[in-house]
C-alpha atoms as a PDB file:
ATOM      1  CA  MET A   1       0.000   0.000   0.000  1.00  0.00           C
ATOM      2  CA  VAL A   2       1.106   3.613  -0.730  1.00  0.00           C
ATOM      3  CA  ASP A   3       0.228   6.307   1.713  1.00  0.00           C
ATOM      4  CA  LEU A   4      -1.257   9.655   0.686  1.00  0.00           C
ATOM      5  CA  SER A   5       1.955  11.648   1.245  1.00  0.00           C
ATOM      6  CA  THR A   6       4.026   9.384  -1.010  1.00  0.00           C
ATOM      7  CA  ALA A   7       1.394   9.544  -3.749  1.00  0.00           C
ATOM      8  CA  MET A   8       1.270  13.346  -3.705  1.00  0.00           C
ATOM      9  CA  THR A   9       5.085  13.563  -3.863  1.00  0.00           C
ATOM     10  CA  ALA A  10       5.188  11.246  -6.863  1.00  0.00           C
ATOM     11  CA  ALA A  11       2.486  13.243  -8.645  1.00  0.00           C
ATOM     12  CA  GLN A  12       4.359  16.517  -8.127  1.00  0.00           C
ATOM     13  CA  GLY A  13       7.571  15.003  -9.500  1.00  0.00           C
ATOM     14  CA  GLU A  14       5.794  13.724 -12.572  1.00  0.00           C
ATOM     15  CA  ARG A  15       4.172  17.127 -13.117  1.00  0.00           C
ATOM     16  CA  ARG A  16       7.545  18.876 -12.955  1.00  0.00           C
ATOM     17  CA  GLN A  17       9.041  16.497 -15.499  1.00  0.00           C
ATOM     18  CA  ARG A  18       6.139  17.009 -17.877  1.00  0.00           C
ATOM     19  CA  LYS A  19       5.799  20.830 -17.459  1.00  0.00           C
ATOM     20  CA  PRO A  20       8.776  22.052 -19.625  1.00  0.00           C
ATOM     21  CA  GLY A  21       7.582  20.025 -22.602  1.00  0.00           C
ATOM     22  CA  GLU A  22       4.034  21.264 -22.201  1.00  0.00           C
ATOM     23  CA  ALA A  23       5.212  24.899 -21.938  1.00  0.00           C
ATOM     24  CA  LYS A  24       7.291  24.534 -25.090  1.00  0.00           C
ATOM     25  CA  GLU A  25       4.400  22.969 -26.927  1.00  0.00           C
ATOM     26  CA  LYS A  26       2.093  25.710 -25.701  1.00  0.00           C
ATOM     27  CA  LYS A  27       4.565  28.406 -26.799  1.00  0.00           C
ATOM     28  CA  VAL A  28       4.760  26.958 -30.283  1.00  0.00           C
ATOM     29  CA  ARG A  29       1.030  26.873 -30.578  1.00  0.00           C
ATOM     30  CA  ARG A  30       0.606  30.603 -29.649  1.00  0.00           C
ATOM     31  CA  THR A  31      -0.537  32.782 -32.542  1.00  0.00           C
ATOM     32  CA  GLY A  32       0.805  36.218 -33.544  1.00  0.00           C
ATOM     33  CA  ARG A  33      -2.219  37.901 -31.996  1.00  0.00           C
ATOM     34  CA  ASN A  34      -1.483  36.244 -28.652  1.00  0.00           C
ATOM     35  CA  LEU A  35       2.103  37.548 -28.914  1.00  0.00           C
ATOM     36  CA  GLY A  36       0.903  41.158 -29.397  1.00  0.00           C
ATOM     37  CA  ILE A  37       1.639  41.290 -33.156  1.00  0.00           C
ATOM     38  CA  GLU A  38      -1.119  42.632 -35.332  1.00  0.00           C
ATOM     39  CA  PRO A  39      -1.896  40.577 -38.405  1.00  0.00           C
ATOM     40  CA  PHE A  40      -0.573  42.074 -41.678  1.00  0.00           C
ATOM     41  CA  ASP A  41      -3.353  43.589 -43.749  1.00  0.00           C
ATOM     42  CA  PRO A  42      -2.100  44.302 -47.299  1.00  0.00           C
ATOM     43  CA  VAL A  43      -5.147  46.383 -48.178  1.00  0.00           C
ATOM     44  CA  LYS A  44      -4.684  48.632 -45.162  1.00  0.00           C
ATOM     45  CA  HIS A  45      -0.946  48.881 -45.845  1.00  0.00           C
ATOM     46  CA  VAL A  46      -1.504  50.034 -49.438  1.00  0.00           C
ATOM     47  CA  ALA A  47      -4.065  52.602 -48.272  1.00  0.00           C
ATOM     48  CA  LYS A  48      -1.607  54.021 -45.738  1.00  0.00           C
ATOM     49  CA  GLU A  49       1.161  54.269 -48.346  1.00  0.00           C
ATOM     50  CA  LYS A  50      -1.171  56.172 -50.664  1.00  0.00           C
ATOM     51  CA  ALA A  51      -2.162  58.505 -47.839  1.00  0.00           C
ATOM     52  CA  ASP A  52       1.490  59.218 -46.991  1.00  0.00           C
ATOM     53  CA  MET A  53       2.340  59.928 -50.623  1.00  0.00           C
ATOM     54  CA  ALA A  54      -0.639  62.271 -50.961  1.00  0.00           C
ATOM     55  CA  SER A  55       0.534  64.044 -47.791  1.00  0.00           C
ATOM     56  CA  MET A  56       4.042  64.480 -49.221  1.00  0.00           C
ATOM     57  CA  TRP A  57       2.778  66.115 -52.423  1.00  0.00           C
ATOM     58  CA  LEU A  58       0.395  68.309 -50.477  1.00  0.00           C
ATOM     59  CA  VAL A  59       3.193  69.591 -48.237  1.00  0.00           C
ATOM     60  CA  LEU A  60       5.511  70.174 -51.215  1.00  0.00           C
ATOM     61  CA  GLY A  61       2.819  72.164 -52.999  1.00  0.00           C
ATOM     62  CA  PHE A  62       2.060  74.108 -49.830  1.00  0.00           C
ATOM     63  CA  ALA A  63       5.739  74.955 -49.283  1.00  0.00           C
ATOM     64  CA  LEU A  64       6.106  76.052 -52.921  1.00  0.00           C
ATOM     65  CA  SER A  65       3.039  78.317 -52.654  1.00  0.00           C
ATOM     66  CA  VAL A  66       4.297  79.875 -49.422  1.00  0.00           C
ATOM     67  CA  THR A  67       7.748  80.476 -50.943  1.00  0.00           C
ATOM     68  CA  LEU A  68       6.356  82.131 -54.082  1.00  0.00           C
ATOM     69  CA  LEU A  69       4.096  84.306 -51.944  1.00  0.00           C
ATOM     70  CA  MET A  70       7.047  85.355 -49.810  1.00  0.00           C
ATOM     71  CA  ARG A  71       9.329  86.075 -52.768  1.00  0.00           C
ATOM     72  CA  TYR A  72       7.013  87.855 -55.197  1.00  0.00           C
ATOM     73  CA  VAL A  73       4.477  89.476 -52.862  1.00  0.00           C
ATOM     74  CA  LEU A  74       5.842  90.012 -49.361  1.00  0.00           C
ATOM     75  CA  MET A  75       9.414  90.928 -50.315  1.00  0.00           C
ATOM     76  CA  GLY A  76       8.245  93.748 -52.543  1.00  0.00           C
ATOM     77  CA  VAL A  77       6.379  95.477 -49.705  1.00  0.00           C
ATOM     78  CA  THR A  78       8.786  94.688 -46.858  1.00  0.00           C
ATOM     79  CA  ASP A  79      11.644  96.935 -45.806  1.00  0.00           C
ATOM     80  CA  PRO A  80      15.038  95.137 -45.843  1.00  0.00           C
ATOM     81  CA  GLU A  81      15.537  96.098 -42.193  1.00  0.00           C
ATOM     82  CA  ASN A  82      12.493  93.959 -41.326  1.00  0.00           C
ATOM     83  CA  SER A  83      13.478  91.047 -43.522  1.00  0.00           C
ATOM     84  CA  LYS A  84      13.361  88.526 -40.649  1.00  0.00           C
ATOM     85  CA  ILE A  85       9.566  88.438 -40.921  1.00  0.00           C
ATOM     86  CA  LEU A  86       9.950  86.986 -44.426  1.00  0.00           C
ATOM     87  CA  TYR A  87      11.354  83.796 -42.906  1.00  0.00           C
ATOM     88  CA  ILE A  88       9.578  83.670 -39.568  1.00  0.00           C
ATOM     89  CA  LEU A  89       6.081  84.005 -41.036  1.00  0.00           C
ATOM     90  CA  PRO A  90       6.385  81.195 -43.648  1.00  0.00           C
ATOM     91  CA  LEU A  91       7.907  78.842 -41.085  1.00  0.00           C
ATOM     92  CA  THR A  92       5.010  79.407 -38.687  1.00  0.00           C
ATOM     93  CA  CYS A  93       2.751  78.043 -41.418  1.00  0.00           C
ATOM     94  CA  ILE A  94       3.801  74.636 -40.113  1.00  0.00           C
ATOM     95  CA  PHE A  95       0.919  74.865 -37.652  1.00  0.00           C
ATOM     96  CA  LEU A  96      -1.540  75.005 -40.574  1.00  0.00           C
ATOM     97  CA  ILE A  97      -0.463  71.634 -41.949  1.00  0.00           C
ATOM     98  CA  PRO A  98      -2.848  69.417 -39.878  1.00  0.00           C
ATOM     99  CA  THR A  99      -5.816  71.667 -40.678  1.00  0.00           C
ATOM    100  CA  LEU A 100      -4.844  71.706 -44.347  1.00  0.00           C
ATOM    101  CA  HIS A 101      -4.808  67.919 -44.451  1.00  0.00           C
ATOM    102  CA  ARG A 102      -8.184  67.576 -42.752  1.00  0.00           C
ATOM    103  CA  THR A 103      -9.707  70.157 -45.099  1.00  0.00           C
ATOM    104  CA  ILE A 104      -8.364  68.942 -48.427  1.00  0.00           C
ATOM    105  CA  MET A 105      -7.709  65.241 -48.038  1.00  0.00           C
ATOM    106  CA  PRO A 106     -10.533  62.659 -48.315  1.00  0.00           C
ATOM    107  CA  GLU A 107     -11.614  60.862 -45.169  1.00  0.00           C
ATOM    108  CA  ARG A 108     -10.038  57.571 -46.285  1.00  0.00           C
ATOM    109  CA  PHE A 109      -6.632  59.302 -46.125  1.00  0.00           C
ATOM    110  CA  VAL A 110      -7.191  61.374 -42.990  1.00  0.00           C
ATOM    111  CA  GLU A 111      -7.851  58.278 -40.885  1.00  0.00           C
ATOM    112  CA  HIS A 112      -4.245  57.180 -41.470  1.00  0.00           C
ATOM    113  CA  TYR A 113      -2.686  60.472 -40.292  1.00  0.00           C
ATOM    114  CA  GLY A 114      -1.292  60.983 -36.813  1.00  0.00           C
ATOM    115  CA  GLY A 115       1.518  62.595 -34.845  1.00  0.00           C
ATOM    116  CA  GLY A 116       4.199  60.978 -36.978  1.00  0.00           C
ATOM    117  CA  THR A 117       2.632  62.432 -40.117  1.00  0.00           C
ATOM    118  CA  TRP A 118       2.704  65.999 -38.743  1.00  0.00           C
ATOM    119  CA  PHE A 119       6.313  65.588 -37.585  1.00  0.00           C
ATOM    120  CA  LYS A 120       7.503  64.468 -41.020  1.00  0.00           C
ATOM    121  CA  ALA A 121       5.403  67.110 -42.765  1.00  0.00           C
ATOM    122  CA  ALA A 122       6.897  69.882 -40.586  1.00  0.00           C
ATOM    123  CA  PHE A 123      10.443  68.915 -41.540  1.00  0.00           C
ATOM    124  CA  LEU A 124       9.537  68.577 -45.215  1.00  0.00           C
ATOM    125  CA  HIS A 125       7.909  72.022 -45.257  1.00  0.00           C
ATOM    126  CA  THR A 126      10.840  73.678 -43.451  1.00  0.00           C
ATOM    127  CA  PHE A 127      13.621  72.378 -45.663  1.00  0.00           C
ATOM    128  CA  THR A 128      11.621  72.775 -48.872  1.00  0.00           C
ATOM    129  CA  PHE A 129      10.915  76.414 -48.042  1.00  0.00           C
ATOM    130  CA  LEU A 130      14.547  77.140 -47.159  1.00  0.00           C
ATOM    131  CA  ALA A 131      15.852  75.520 -50.341  1.00  0.00           C
ATOM    132  CA  LEU A 132      13.361  77.262 -52.637  1.00  0.00           C
ATOM    133  CA  SER A 133      13.769  80.659 -50.970  1.00  0.00           C
ATOM    134  CA  PHE A 134      17.562  80.440 -51.278  1.00  0.00           C
ATOM    135  CA  LEU A 135      17.112  79.652 -54.976  1.00  0.00           C
ATOM    136  CA  LEU A 136      14.679  82.499 -55.663  1.00  0.00           C
ATOM    137  CA  VAL A 137      16.582  85.322 -53.925  1.00  0.00           C
ATOM    138  CA  ASN A 138      19.860  84.663 -55.745  1.00  0.00           C
ATOM    139  CA  PRO A 139      20.743  85.084 -59.427  1.00  0.00           C
ATOM    140  CA  PRO A 140      19.260  84.532 -61.902  1.00  0.00           C
ATOM    141  CA  PHE A 141      15.901  84.848 -60.093  1.00  0.00           C
ATOM    142  CA  GLY A 142      16.847  87.624 -57.666  1.00  0.00           C
ATOM    143  CA  ASP A 143      19.644  89.697 -56.150  1.00  0.00           C
ATOM    144  CA  ILE A 144      19.565  90.845 -52.532  1.00  0.00           C
ATOM    145  CA  ALA A 145      23.321  91.192 -51.918  1.00  0.00           C
ATOM    146  CA  ALA A 146      25.212  94.410 -52.619  1.00  0.00           C
ATOM    147  CA  PRO A 147      28.645  94.340 -54.279  1.00  0.00           C
ATOM    148  CA  GLU A 148      31.527  93.974 -51.855  1.00  0.00           C
ATOM    149  CA  LEU A 149      35.260  94.534 -51.762  1.00  0.00           C
ATOM    150  CA  ALA A 150      36.948  92.234 -54.292  1.00  0.00           C
ATOM    151  CA  LYS A 151      40.100  91.754 -52.228  1.00  0.00           C
ATOM    152  CA  SER A 152      41.704  94.795 -50.576  1.00  0.00           C
ATOM    153  CA  TRP A 153      41.985  98.592 -50.795  1.00  0.00           C
ATOM    154  CA  THR A 154      44.814 101.071 -50.791  1.00  0.00           C
ATOM    155  CA  VAL A 155      45.742 104.747 -51.134  1.00  0.00           C
ATOM    156  CA  VAL A 156      48.490 105.703 -53.596  1.00  0.00           C
ATOM    157  CA  THR A 157      50.254 108.937 -54.434  1.00  0.00           C
ATOM    158  CA  ASP A 158      50.762 110.184 -57.975  1.00  0.00           C
ATOM    159  CA  ASP A 159      53.357 112.862 -58.681  1.00  0.00           C
ATOM    160  CA  GLY A 160      52.600 112.906 -62.406  1.00  0.00           C
ATOM    161  CA  GLU A 161      55.425 110.520 -63.263  1.00  0.00           C
ATOM    162  CA  ALA A 162      55.027 107.422 -61.102  1.00  0.00           C
ATOM    163  CA  ILE A 163      52.635 105.898 -58.601  1.00  0.00           C
ATOM    164  CA  GLU A 164      53.851 105.046 -55.111  1.00  0.00           C
ATOM    165  CA  TYR A 165      52.208 102.659 -52.666  1.00  0.00           C
ATOM    166  CA  PRO A 166      52.361 102.875 -48.875  1.00  0.00           C
ATOM    167  CA  PHE A 167      54.754 100.718 -46.840  1.00  0.00           C
ATOM    168  CA  ASP A 168      52.064  98.030 -46.282  1.00  0.00           C
ATOM    169  CA  VAL A 169      50.912  98.333 -49.925  1.00  0.00           C
ATOM    170  CA  SER A 170      47.236  97.449 -49.200  1.00  0.00           C
ATOM    171  CA  THR A 171      44.901  96.192 -46.501  1.00  0.00           C
ATOM    172  CA  LYS A 172      41.778  94.095 -46.053  1.00  0.00           C
ATOM    173  CA  GLY A 173      41.132  95.750 -42.711  1.00  0.00           C
ATOM    174  CA  THR A 174      39.824  99.175 -41.840  1.00  0.00           C
ATOM    175  CA  THR A 175      43.085 101.113 -41.310  1.00  0.00           C
ATOM    176  CA  LEU A 176      45.931 101.942 -43.693  1.00  0.00           C
ATOM    177  CA  THR A 177      49.062 103.792 -42.547  1.00  0.00           C
ATOM    178  CA  TRP A 178      51.134 106.097 -44.754  1.00  0.00           C
ATOM    179  CA  HIS A 179      54.623 107.048 -43.542  1.00  0.00           C
ATOM    180  CA  THR A 180      55.842 110.382 -44.945  1.00  0.00           C
ATOM    181  CA  ASN A 181      59.458 110.121 -43.694  1.00  0.00           C
ATOM    182  CA  GLY A 182      59.521 113.427 -41.842  1.00  0.00           C
ATOM    183  CA  SER A 183      57.117 115.446 -44.005  1.00  0.00           C
ATOM    184  CA  THR A 184      53.949 116.868 -42.462  1.00  0.00           C
ATOM    185  CA  THR A 185      51.957 116.163 -45.627  1.00  0.00           C
ATOM    186  CA  LEU A 186      51.465 113.258 -48.003  1.00  0.00           C
ATOM    187  CA  GLN A 187      53.018 114.871 -51.034  1.00  0.00           C
ATOM    188  CA  GLY A 188      51.357 114.469 -54.425  1.00  0.00           C
ATOM    189  CA  ASP A 189      47.842 113.533 -55.475  1.00  0.00           C
ATOM    190  CA  ALA A 190      46.285 110.882 -53.228  1.00  0.00           C
ATOM    191  CA  TRP A 191      44.014 108.303 -54.848  1.00  0.00           C
ATOM    192  CA  LEU A 192      41.834 105.676 -53.203  1.00  0.00           C
ATOM    193  CA  LEU A 193      41.895 102.432 -55.227  1.00  0.00           C
ATOM    194  CA  PHE A 194      39.752  99.317 -54.793  1.00  0.00           C
ATOM    195  CA  GLY A 195      37.710  96.802 -56.779  1.00  0.00           C
ATOM    196  CA  LEU A 196      34.175  95.503 -56.271  1.00  0.00           C
ATOM    197  CA  MET A 197      32.785  92.050 -56.948  1.00  0.00           C
ATOM    198  CA  ASP A 198      29.175  90.935 -57.152  1.00  0.00           C
ATOM    199  CA  ASN A 199      27.253  87.714 -57.735  1.00  0.00           C
ATOM    200  CA  LYS A 200      25.402  89.257 -60.667  1.00  0.00           C
ATOM    201  CA  ASN A 201      26.712  92.512 -62.163  1.00  0.00           C
ATOM    202  CA  SER A 202      29.275  94.561 -60.226  1.00  0.00           C
ATOM    203  CA  ASP A 203      29.410  97.183 -62.984  1.00  0.00           C
ATOM    204  CA  GLY A 204      25.867  98.210 -62.088  1.00  0.00           C
ATOM    205  CA  ALA A 205      26.914  99.643 -58.727  1.00  0.00           C
ATOM    206  CA  SER A 206      27.239 103.324 -57.864  1.00  0.00           C
ATOM    207  CA  VAL A 207      29.737 104.514 -55.261  1.00  0.00           C
ATOM    208  CA  GLU A 208      29.682 107.608 -53.037  1.00  0.00           C
ATOM    209  CA  VAL A 209      32.821 108.514 -51.089  1.00  0.00           C
ATOM    210  CA  THR A 210      33.302 111.093 -48.345  1.00  0.00           C
ATOM    211  CA  ARG A 211      36.562 112.061 -46.592  1.00  0.00           C
ATOM    212  CA  GLU A 212      36.537 113.521 -43.109  1.00  0.00           C
ATOM    213  CA  TYR A 213      39.616 115.292 -41.718  1.00  0.00           C
ATOM    214  CA  GLN A 214      39.728 117.515 -38.637  1.00  0.00           C
ATOM    215  CA  ALA A 215      35.913 117.736 -38.505  1.00  0.00           C
ATOM    216  CA  ASN A 216      35.730 118.816 -42.170  1.00  0.00           C
ATOM    217  CA  GLU A 217      33.851 116.450 -44.452  1.00  0.00           C
ATOM    218  CA  THR A 218      34.069 116.572 -48.240  1.00  0.00           C
ATOM    219  CA  THR A 219      32.467 114.454 -50.940  1.00  0.00           C
ATOM    220  CA  ARG A 220      34.854 112.896 -53.404  1.00  0.00           C
ATOM    221  CA  ASP A 221      33.835 111.928 -56.924  1.00  0.00           C
ATOM    222  CA  VAL A 222      34.668 108.703 -58.713  1.00  0.00           C
ATOM    223  CA  ASN A 223      37.038 109.183 -61.634  1.00  0.00           C
ATOM    224  CA  GLU A 224      35.893 106.669 -64.247  1.00  0.00           C
ATOM    225  CA  SER A 225      38.956 107.010 -66.510  1.00  0.00           C
ATOM    226  CA  TYR A 226      41.882 107.264 -64.081  1.00  0.00           C
ATOM    227  CA  TRP A 227      42.245 103.517 -63.523  1.00  0.00           C
ATOM    228  CA  TYR A 228      42.198 102.677 -67.233  1.00  0.00           C
ATOM    229  CA  ASP A 229      44.446 105.601 -68.199  1.00  0.00           C
ATOM    230  CA  ASN A 230      47.020 104.592 -65.589  1.00  0.00           C
ATOM    231  CA  ALA A 231      46.594 100.805 -65.603  1.00  0.00           C
ATOM    232  CA  GLU A 232      50.296 100.182 -66.310  1.00  0.00           C
ATOM    233  CA  ALA A 233      51.486 102.631 -63.652  1.00  0.00           C
ATOM    234  CA  ILE A 234      49.109 101.089 -61.078  1.00  0.00           C
ATOM    235  CA  LYS A 235      50.405  97.628 -61.910  1.00  0.00           C
ATOM    236  CA  ASN A 236      54.082  98.655 -61.698  1.00  0.00           C
ATOM    237  CA  GLY A 237      53.878 101.030 -58.729  1.00  0.00           C
ATOM    238  CA  THR A 238      56.585 100.897 -56.049  1.00  0.00           C
ATOM    239  CA  SER A 239      56.714 101.133 -52.268  1.00  0.00           C
ATOM    240  CA  SER A 240      59.381 101.702 -49.630  1.00  0.00           C
ATOM    241  CA  SER A 241      58.920  98.090 -48.506  1.00  0.00           C
ATOM    242  CA  ASN A 242      59.822  96.794 -51.997  1.00  0.00           C
ATOM    243  CA  LYS A 243      56.604  94.788 -52.069  1.00  0.00           C
ATOM    244  CA  SER A 244      54.875  94.182 -55.382  1.00  0.00           C
ATOM    245  CA  SER A 245      51.764  96.176 -56.167  1.00  0.00           C
ATOM    246  CA  PRO A 246      48.544  94.465 -55.012  1.00  0.00           C
ATOM    247  CA  ASN A 247      46.049  92.863 -57.357  1.00  0.00           C
ATOM    248  CA  LEU A 248      42.923  94.788 -56.368  1.00  0.00           C
ATOM    249  CA  THR A 249      40.742  93.108 -59.018  1.00  0.00           C
ATOM    250  CA  PRO A 250      41.609  89.397 -58.729  1.00  0.00           C
ATOM    251  CA  HIS A 251      38.597  88.213 -60.753  1.00  0.00           C
ATOM    252  CA  GLY A 252      39.532  90.080 -63.906  1.00  0.00           C
ATOM    253  CA  ASP A 253      36.719  91.625 -65.899  1.00  0.00           C
ATOM    254  CA  GLN A 254      34.169  90.373 -63.369  1.00  0.00           C
ATOM    255  CA  ASP A 255      35.423  92.991 -60.871  1.00  0.00           C
ATOM    256  CA  GLN A 256      34.656  96.691 -61.194  1.00  0.00           C
ATOM    257  CA  PRO A 257      37.664  98.956 -60.451  1.00  0.00           C
ATOM    258  CA  PHE A 258      37.221 102.319 -58.720  1.00  0.00           C
ATOM    259  CA  ALA A 259      39.592 105.269 -58.351  1.00  0.00           C
ATOM    260  CA  ILE A 260      38.644 108.234 -56.161  1.00  0.00           C
ATOM    261  CA  PHE A 261      40.715 111.409 -55.885  1.00  0.00           C
ATOM    262  CA  LEU A 262      41.124 112.226 -52.184  1.00  0.00           C
ATOM    263  CA  GLY A 263      43.114 115.448 -52.510  1.00  0.00           C
ATOM    264  CA  THR A 264      46.597 116.894 -52.918  1.00  0.00           C
ATOM    265  CA  ASP A 265      49.210 117.019 -50.142  1.00  0.00           C
ATOM    266  CA  LEU A 266      46.974 115.468 -47.487  1.00  0.00           C
ATOM    267  CA  GLY A 267      47.813 116.645 -43.975  1.00  0.00           C
ATOM    268  CA  GLU A 268      49.222 114.579 -41.145  1.00  0.00           C
ATOM    269  CA  GLY A 269      46.670 112.805 -38.951  1.00  0.00           C
ATOM    270  CA  THR A 270      43.684 110.492 -39.428  1.00  0.00           C
ATOM    271  CA  HIS A 271      41.457 110.755 -42.481  1.00  0.00           C
ATOM    272  CA  THR A 272      38.151 108.866 -42.252  1.00  0.00           C
ATOM    273  CA  ILE A 273      36.925 107.554 -45.585  1.00  0.00           C
ATOM    274  CA  THR A 274      33.310 106.394 -45.917  1.00  0.00           C
ATOM    275  CA  VAL A 275      32.343 104.378 -48.989  1.00  0.00           C
ATOM    276  CA  VAL A 276      28.650 103.779 -49.695  1.00  0.00           C
ATOM    277  CA  ILE A 277      27.880 101.268 -52.454  1.00  0.00           C
ATOM    278  CA  THR A 278      24.385 101.217 -53.917  1.00  0.00           C
ATOM    279  CA  GLU A 279      22.918  98.768 -56.415  1.00  0.00           C
ATOM    280  CA  GLU A 280      19.460  98.271 -57.864  1.00  0.00           C
ATOM    281  CA  GLY A 281      18.845  94.687 -56.855  1.00  0.00           C
ATOM    282  CA  ASP A 282      15.802  92.461 -57.213  1.00  0.00           C
ATOM    283  CA  PRO A 283      13.504  93.240 -55.464  1.00  0.00           C
ATOM    284  CA  TRP A 284      15.383  95.616 -53.106  1.00  0.00           C
ATOM    285  CA  GLU A 285      17.936  98.370 -53.416  1.00  0.00           C
ATOM    286  CA  ASN A 286      21.119  96.815 -52.061  1.00  0.00           C
ATOM    287  CA  VAL A 287      23.423  98.979 -49.948  1.00  0.00           C
ATOM    288  CA  GLN A 288      26.890  98.232 -48.587  1.00  0.00           C
ATOM    289  CA  THR A 289      28.907 100.636 -46.417  1.00  0.00           C
ATOM    290  CA  TYR A 290      32.620 100.609 -45.585  1.00  0.00           C
ATOM    291  CA  VAL A 291      34.368 102.951 -43.156  1.00  0.00           C
ATOM    292  CA  TRP A 292      38.136 103.095 -43.562  1.00  0.00           C
ATOM    293  CA  LYS A 293      40.833 105.156 -41.850  1.00  0.00           C
ATOM    294  CA  LEU A 294      43.931 106.569 -43.520  1.00  0.00           C
ATOM    295  CA  GLU A 295      46.625 107.457 -40.975  1.00  0.00           C
ATOM    296  CA  ILE A 296      49.383 109.768 -42.190  1.00  0.00           C
ATOM    297  CA  ILE A 297      52.472 109.682 -39.937  1.00  0.00           C
ATOM    298  CA  ASN A 298      55.520 111.922 -40.488  1.00  0.00           C
ATOM    299  CA  ILE A 299      58.098 109.279 -39.573  1.00  0.00           C
ATOM    300  CA  SER A 300      59.421 106.314 -41.507  1.00  0.00           C
ATOM    301  CA  PRO A 301      58.165 102.812 -40.686  1.00  0.00           C
ATOM    302  CA  PHE A 302      61.685 101.823 -39.621  1.00  0.00           C
ATOM    303  CA  ASP A 303      61.867 104.663 -37.105  1.00  0.00           C
ATOM    304  CA  GLN A 304      58.432 103.650 -35.814  1.00  0.00           C
ATOM    305  CA  ASP A 305      59.649 100.085 -35.257  1.00  0.00           C
ATOM    306  CA  SER A 306      62.678 101.301 -33.268  1.00  0.00           C
ATOM    307  CA  ILE A 307      60.448 103.549 -31.133  1.00  0.00           C
ATOM    308  CA  SER A 308      58.051 100.696 -30.385  1.00  0.00           C
ATOM    309  CA  GLU A 309      60.982  98.500 -29.344  1.00  0.00           C
END
């Protein structure tokens, strides 16, 4: 005879031996639905793909419309100083995308849209607008950048026989120093020379130059023939530093050269030169301003170096 305790122990042991096999069999028999995987519905998948593609074309068309509105309507009535609104306003149109979808798209497409759709549509709208706007405000469709300095600028003296450059020849900065080697004036005719470059047509720019010295300001006119009449002398000019003359128009015929007569026998001290460049762009009038300083010192650069030491 077997007592009750022994029988229960034997039954438990048998159950433990049989349980792993049963669990494995049960796991194999579980369906995808029981595992939390939704069954693949090809019809629903195709409908969602069509809805996503329709959303993409809608956003592209919306971004194109917003960009054209910004470029050909808003830019013409907006002051360049307030140009930030031309980018902020179109980008805020992102918040109209969900409403636009619900208004235009059929119900069979709208039911597939959700948070992921609006996230992707926002990025697509943003980068499409930025790319199209960059294309439309630059040549050949537009021009919103004024001509700028081609390379460097300088001030030369012309005694009627040869052209002389300063010790440093030229500068890309805002200050140029002329050493007169003991004289209180910069002897000879002083000419401001520089070239302009532009992404469309630099020869369409107009330049206004003023020179301020000891609280007296005078307007200096551009001499349109000086550069061409003295092209060889400008190219072969000399300086006390024995440096070669600078190439102020490095892009050849694409750069517009300018020569401005500053005066004769300029006095010692600081001369402030203001150059205002104006161009009829598209759709704005483009303006660029440079403020340069010409310092005339009555000692040689070598004496100045010994003093500084």
